[in-house]
C-alpha atoms as a PDB file:
ATOM      1  CA  MET A   1     -19.511 -14.762   5.534  1.00  0.00           C
ATOM      2  CA  VAL A   2     -17.613 -16.727   2.903  1.00  0.00           C
ATOM      3  CA  LYS A   3     -18.874 -16.187  -0.619  1.00  0.00           C
ATOM      4  CA  ARG A   4     -18.687 -19.249  -2.851  1.00  0.00           C
ATOM      5  CA  ILE A   5     -16.505 -18.985  -5.930  1.00  0.00           C
ATOM      6  CA  SER A   6     -16.588 -21.804  -8.450  1.00  0.00           C
ATOM      7  CA  ARG A   7     -13.782 -24.073  -9.601  1.00  0.00           C
ATOM      8  CA  LYS A   8     -14.409 -22.813 -13.140  1.00  0.00           C
ATOM      9  CA  GLN A   9     -13.884 -19.194 -11.995  1.00  0.00           C
ATOM     10  CA  VAL A  10     -10.585 -20.059 -10.281  1.00  0.00           C
ATOM     11  CA  GLU A  11      -9.405 -21.929 -13.374  1.00  0.00           C
ATOM     12  CA  TYR A  12     -10.353 -18.933 -15.525  1.00  0.00           C
ATOM     13  CA  ILE A  13      -8.434 -16.531 -13.256  1.00  0.00           C
ATOM     14  CA  ALA A  14      -5.418 -18.870 -13.368  1.00  0.00           C
ATOM     15  CA  SER A  15      -5.571 -18.948 -17.170  1.00  0.00           C
ATOM     16  CA  LEU A  16      -5.625 -15.132 -17.287  1.00  0.00           C
ATOM     17  CA  ALA A  17      -2.568 -15.080 -15.005  1.00  0.00           C
ATOM     18  CA  LYS A  18      -0.950 -17.803 -17.134  1.00  0.00           C
ATOM     19  CA  ILE A  19      -0.321 -20.057 -14.138  1.00  0.00           C
ATOM     20  CA  ARG A  20      -0.940 -23.752 -13.712  1.00  0.00           C
ATOM     21  CA  LEU A  21      -2.666 -24.888 -10.532  1.00  0.00           C
ATOM     22  CA  THR A  22      -2.914 -28.341  -9.049  1.00  0.00           C
ATOM     23  CA  PRO A  23      -6.369 -29.544  -7.961  1.00  0.00           C
ATOM     24  CA  GLU A  24      -5.290 -28.970  -4.337  1.00  0.00           C
ATOM     25  CA  GLU A  25      -4.277 -25.377  -5.117  1.00  0.00           C
ATOM     26  CA  ILE A  26      -7.591 -24.765  -6.874  1.00  0.00           C
ATOM     27  CA  ASP A  27      -9.461 -25.953  -3.757  1.00  0.00           C
ATOM     28  CA  LYS A  28      -7.307 -23.663  -1.601  1.00  0.00           C
ATOM     29  CA  TYR A  29      -7.958 -20.646  -3.863  1.00  0.00           C
ATOM     30  CA  ILE A  30     -11.698 -21.339  -3.989  1.00  0.00           C
ATOM     31  CA  GLU A  31     -11.766 -20.860  -0.215  1.00  0.00           C
ATOM     32  CA  GLN A  32      -9.327 -17.909  -0.093  1.00  0.00           C
ATOM     33  CA  LEU A  33     -10.869 -15.929  -2.950  1.00  0.00           C
ATOM     34  CA  GLY A  34     -14.342 -16.581  -1.560  1.00  0.00           C
ATOM     35  CA  SER A  35     -13.233 -15.168   1.767  1.00  0.00           C
ATOM     36  CA  ILE A  36     -11.801 -12.046   0.101  1.00  0.00           C
ATOM     37  CA  ILE A  37     -15.013 -11.465  -1.844  1.00  0.00           C
ATOM     38  CA  GLY A  38     -16.909 -11.903   1.417  1.00  0.00           C
ATOM     39  CA  TYR A  39     -15.046  -8.908   2.866  1.00  0.00           C
ATOM     40  CA  PHE A  40     -16.416  -6.746   0.073  1.00  0.00           C
ATOM     41  CA  ASP A  41     -19.922  -7.803   1.064  1.00  0.00           C
ATOM     42  CA  LYS A  42     -19.173  -6.590   4.603  1.00  0.00           C
ATOM     43  CA  LEU A  43     -18.069  -3.216   3.213  1.00  0.00           C
ATOM     44  CA  ASN A  44     -21.345  -2.969   1.295  1.00  0.00           C
ATOM     45  CA  GLU A  45     -23.210  -3.237   4.621  1.00  0.00           C
ATOM     46  CA  VAL A  46     -21.630  -0.016   5.970  1.00  0.00           C
ATOM     47  CA  ASP A  47     -24.055   2.912   6.052  1.00  0.00           C
ATOM     48  CA  THR A  48     -22.432   5.677   4.000  1.00  0.00           C
ATOM     49  CA  GLU A  49     -25.555   7.802   3.640  1.00  0.00           C
ATOM     50  CA  GLY A  50     -24.613  11.485   3.852  1.00  0.00           C
ATOM     51  CA  ILE A  51     -20.869  10.785   3.712  1.00  0.00           C
ATOM     52  CA  GLU A  52     -19.112  12.846   1.074  1.00  0.00           C
ATOM     53  CA  PRO A  53     -16.745  10.837  -1.149  1.00  0.00           C
ATOM     54  CA  THR A  54     -13.048  11.621  -0.669  1.00  0.00           C
ATOM     55  CA  SER A  55      -9.997  10.921  -2.743  1.00  0.00           C
ATOM     56  CA  GLN A  56      -7.436  11.909  -0.116  1.00  0.00           C
ATOM     57  CA  VAL A  57      -7.715  12.990   3.486  1.00  0.00           C
ATOM     58  CA  THR A  58      -4.308  14.336   4.499  1.00  0.00           C
ATOM     59  CA  GLY A  59      -4.720  17.856   3.127  1.00  0.00           C
ATOM     60  CA  ILE A  60      -1.270  17.710   1.547  1.00  0.00           C
ATOM     61  CA  LEU A  61      -1.082  19.582  -1.751  1.00  0.00           C
ATOM     62  CA  ASN A  62       1.304  18.935  -4.605  1.00  0.00           C
ATOM     63  CA  LYS A  63       4.328  21.190  -4.453  1.00  0.00           C
ATOM     64  CA  LEU A  64       5.171  22.087  -8.038  1.00  0.00           C
ATOM     65  CA  ARG A  65       8.337  23.730  -9.210  1.00  0.00           C
ATOM     66  CA  LYS A  66       9.280  25.267 -12.494  1.00  0.00           C
ATOM     67  CA  ASP A  67      11.154  22.958 -14.849  1.00  0.00           C
ATOM     68  CA  GLU A  68      14.639  24.239 -15.412  1.00  0.00           C
ATOM     69  CA  VAL A  69      17.274  22.779 -17.699  1.00  0.00           C
ATOM     70  CA  LYS A  70      20.506  22.158 -15.796  1.00  0.00           C
ATOM     71  CA  ASP A  71      23.799  20.598 -16.771  1.00  0.00           C
ATOM     72  CA  PHE A  72      23.891  17.426 -14.778  1.00  0.00           C
ATOM     73  CA  LEU A  73      26.651  15.142 -15.925  1.00  0.00           C
ATOM     74  CA  LEU A  74      29.004  15.568 -18.823  1.00  0.00           C
ATOM     75  CA  THR A  75      29.293  12.568 -21.122  1.00  0.00           C
ATOM     76  CA  LYS A  76      33.050  12.323 -20.676  1.00  0.00           C
ATOM     77  CA  ASN A  77      32.623  12.217 -16.878  1.00  0.00           C
ATOM     78  CA  ALA A  78      29.885   9.604 -17.092  1.00  0.00           C
ATOM     79  CA  LEU A  79      32.053   7.393 -19.307  1.00  0.00           C
ATOM     80  CA  SER A  80      35.308   7.976 -17.386  1.00  0.00           C
ATOM     81  CA  ASN A  81      35.050   4.713 -15.407  1.00  0.00           C
ATOM     82  CA  ALA A  82      33.310   2.660 -18.095  1.00  0.00           C
ATOM     83  CA  PRO A  83      35.294  -0.404 -19.153  1.00  0.00           C
ATOM     84  CA  ASP A  84      34.301   0.223 -22.774  1.00  0.00           C
ATOM     85  CA  SER A  85      32.496   2.938 -24.733  1.00  0.00           C
ATOM     86  CA  VAL A  86      31.787   3.817 -28.353  1.00  0.00           C
ATOM     87  CA  ASP A  87      30.771   7.206 -29.766  1.00  0.00           C
ATOM     88  CA  GLY A  88      29.770   8.582 -26.368  1.00  0.00           C
ATOM     89  CA  TYR A  89      27.750   5.539 -25.280  1.00  0.00           C
ATOM     90  CA  PHE A  90      28.401   2.739 -22.812  1.00  0.00           C
ATOM     91  CA  ARG A  91      29.307  -0.459 -24.630  1.00  0.00           C
ATOM     92  CA  THR A  92      28.115  -3.729 -23.177  1.00  0.00           C
ATOM     93  CA  LEU A  93      28.242  -7.259 -24.438  1.00  0.00           C
ATOM     94  CA  SER A  94      25.042  -9.205 -24.780  1.00  0.00           C
ATOM     95  CA  PRO A  95      25.153 -12.585 -23.020  1.00  0.00           C
ATOM     96  CA  PHE A  96      22.986 -13.904 -25.873  1.00  0.00           C
ATOM     97  CA  LYS A  97      25.219 -12.875 -28.769  1.00  0.00           C
ATOM     98  CA  ASP A  98      28.047 -15.025 -30.079  1.00  0.00           C
ATOM     99  CA  LYS A  99      31.406 -13.545 -29.177  1.00  0.00           C
END
């Protein structure tokens, strides 16, 4: 069952997304979005009486570990192959700044 969505609703959604649609695209999205909304109506028809809500079904639990501070990479090693650095930081040139 295809649910009808209005031209005004599609135009509103497009404005929220900041996109411009041609009249042909609006007609296409009226049909497509209506079809998607129709699927939700089908889901509403499913009898879920007595079914307990679930948030995950795999049984996998989070494996947590203790946070430990470790030396990972020394600054001098990180900068060793950098073409340019200043005061322990990578130096890059902005493509927007005058040279």
